[in-house]
Amino acid sequence: MSYIIKHLLDGENLIYLARRHWIVFWFASIWAVLAFIFLFFVPNRLLSFAGYLFAFLFVFEFYKAAIFYYASEFGVTNKRVVMKTGWIQRRSTELLLQKIEA
């Protein structure tokens, strides 16, 4: 269950729930392409070591991006705008719609 859904006020309805854009996985995909190229298309053993290094960087960057992606939520309700980021150290920001409209 979503953090925002769990923390709705009395009489509050969720209008829109969003997550970060998939572009956060961009660097991981670059490392994956480089690892694939160096592991499967480069015959030199020394350069294939670089492929393993790129594969390690891909895994590291992918998990970092996945945590960043899934640990962030953004929601709009009929009373406020709520933004939650972080996994272990959670940070949430809540803005009343009356403050934003004025």
Protein backbone atom coordinates (compact mmCIF):
# COMPACT_ATOMS: atom_id res chain seq x y z
CA MET A 1 0.00 0.00 0.00
CA SER A 2 1.20 3.47 -0.85
CA TYR A 3 2.55 5.83 1.81
CA ILE A 4 0.22 8.59 0.59
CA ILE A 5 -2.86 6.36 0.66
CA LYS A 6 -2.03 5.26 4.22
CA HIS A 7 -1.69 8.88 5.40
CA LEU A 8 -4.86 10.44 3.99
CA LEU A 9 -6.77 12.82 6.26
CA ASP A 10 -10.45 12.41 7.16
CA GLY A 11 -12.63 13.25 4.17
CA GLU A 12 -9.65 13.40 1.82
CA ASN A 13 -9.71 11.65 -1.57
CA LEU A 14 -6.72 10.81 -3.72
CA ILE A 15 -6.99 12.43 -7.14
CA TYR A 16 -3.64 11.56 -8.73
CA LEU A 17 -0.68 9.40 -7.69
CA ALA A 18 2.64 9.57 -9.55
CA ARG A 19 6.19 8.22 -9.43
CA ARG A 20 9.48 9.43 -10.84
CA HIS A 21 10.08 9.16 -14.57
CA TRP A 22 11.72 6.00 -15.99
CA ILE A 23 14.66 8.12 -17.18
CA VAL A 24 16.35 7.49 -13.81
CA PHE A 25 17.40 4.13 -15.30
CA TRP A 26 19.31 5.85 -18.14
CA PHE A 27 22.81 5.51 -16.67
CA ALA A 28 22.19 1.86 -15.81
CA SER A 29 21.19 1.16 -19.41
CA ILE A 30 24.38 2.83 -20.69
CA TRP A 31 26.50 0.57 -18.45
CA ALA A 32 24.49 -2.46 -19.63
CA VAL A 33 25.13 -1.68 -23.31
CA LEU A 34 28.85 -1.14 -22.68
CA ALA A 35 29.08 -4.39 -20.71
CA PHE A 36 27.32 -6.29 -23.50
CA ILE A 37 29.62 -4.85 -26.15
CA PHE A 38 32.83 -5.51 -24.22
CA LEU A 39 31.84 -9.01 -23.07
CA PHE A 40 30.53 -10.38 -26.36
CA PHE A 41 32.19 -8.44 -29.19
CA VAL A 42 35.72 -7.71 -27.98
CA PRO A 43 38.11 -10.67 -28.38
CA ASN A 44 40.90 -9.18 -26.25
CA ARG A 45 40.98 -10.65 -22.70
CA LEU A 46 42.16 -7.42 -21.11
CA LEU A 47 39.25 -5.52 -22.60
CA SER A 48 36.80 -8.23 -21.57
CA PHE A 49 37.80 -7.42 -17.97
CA ALA A 50 36.41 -3.96 -18.68
CA GLY A 51 33.17 -5.70 -19.65
CA TYR A 52 32.96 -7.28 -16.19
CA LEU A 53 33.63 -3.89 -14.65
CA PHE A 54 30.84 -2.35 -16.73
CA ALA A 55 28.52 -5.21 -15.71
CA PHE A 56 29.26 -4.52 -12.05
CA LEU A 57 28.59 -0.80 -12.60
CA PHE A 58 25.32 -1.70 -14.33
CA VAL A 59 24.12 -3.77 -11.37
CA PHE A 60 25.13 -1.08 -8.89
CA GLU A 61 23.52 1.74 -10.87
CA PHE A 62 20.38 -0.29 -11.56
CA TYR A 63 19.75 -1.01 -7.87
CA LYS A 64 20.47 2.59 -6.95
CA ALA A 65 18.01 3.84 -9.57
CA ALA A 66 15.39 1.25 -8.58
CA ILE A 67 15.49 2.35 -4.94
CA PHE A 68 15.32 5.99 -6.04
CA TYR A 69 12.39 5.20 -8.34
CA TYR A 70 10.30 3.05 -6.00
CA ALA A 71 10.97 5.08 -2.84
CA SER A 72 9.47 8.28 -4.26
CA GLU A 73 5.78 9.09 -4.45
CA PHE A 74 3.91 12.19 -5.44
CA GLY A 75 0.19 12.65 -4.93
CA VAL A 76 -2.55 15.20 -5.31
CA THR A 77 -5.65 14.99 -3.12
CA ASN A 78 -8.69 17.20 -2.86
CA LYS A 79 -7.05 19.05 0.08
CA ARG A 80 -3.26 18.98 -0.42
CA VAL A 81 -0.23 17.99 -2.48
CA VAL A 82 1.99 15.32 -0.89
CA MET A 83 5.55 14.40 -1.90
CA LYS A 84 7.42 11.51 -0.25
CA THR A 85 11.02 10.62 -1.02
CA GLY A 86 13.51 8.30 0.63
CA TRP A 87 13.53 4.72 1.75
CA ILE A 88 15.36 4.50 5.06
CA GLN A 89 15.30 8.21 5.81
CA ARG A 90 11.86 9.35 4.68
CA ARG A 91 11.18 12.95 3.80
CA SER A 92 7.66 14.12 3.12
CA THR A 93 6.40 17.52 2.10
CA GLU A 94 2.76 18.48 2.31
CA LEU A 95 1.30 21.65 0.80
CA LEU A 96 -2.31 22.66 1.25
CA LEU A 97 -4.10 23.44 -2.00
CA GLN A 98 -5.31 26.75 -0.57
CA LYS A 99 -1.68 27.89 -0.20
CA ILE A 100 -0.82 26.86 -3.76
CA GLU A 101 -3.88 28.47 -5.34
CA ALA A 102 -3.28 31.79 -3.62
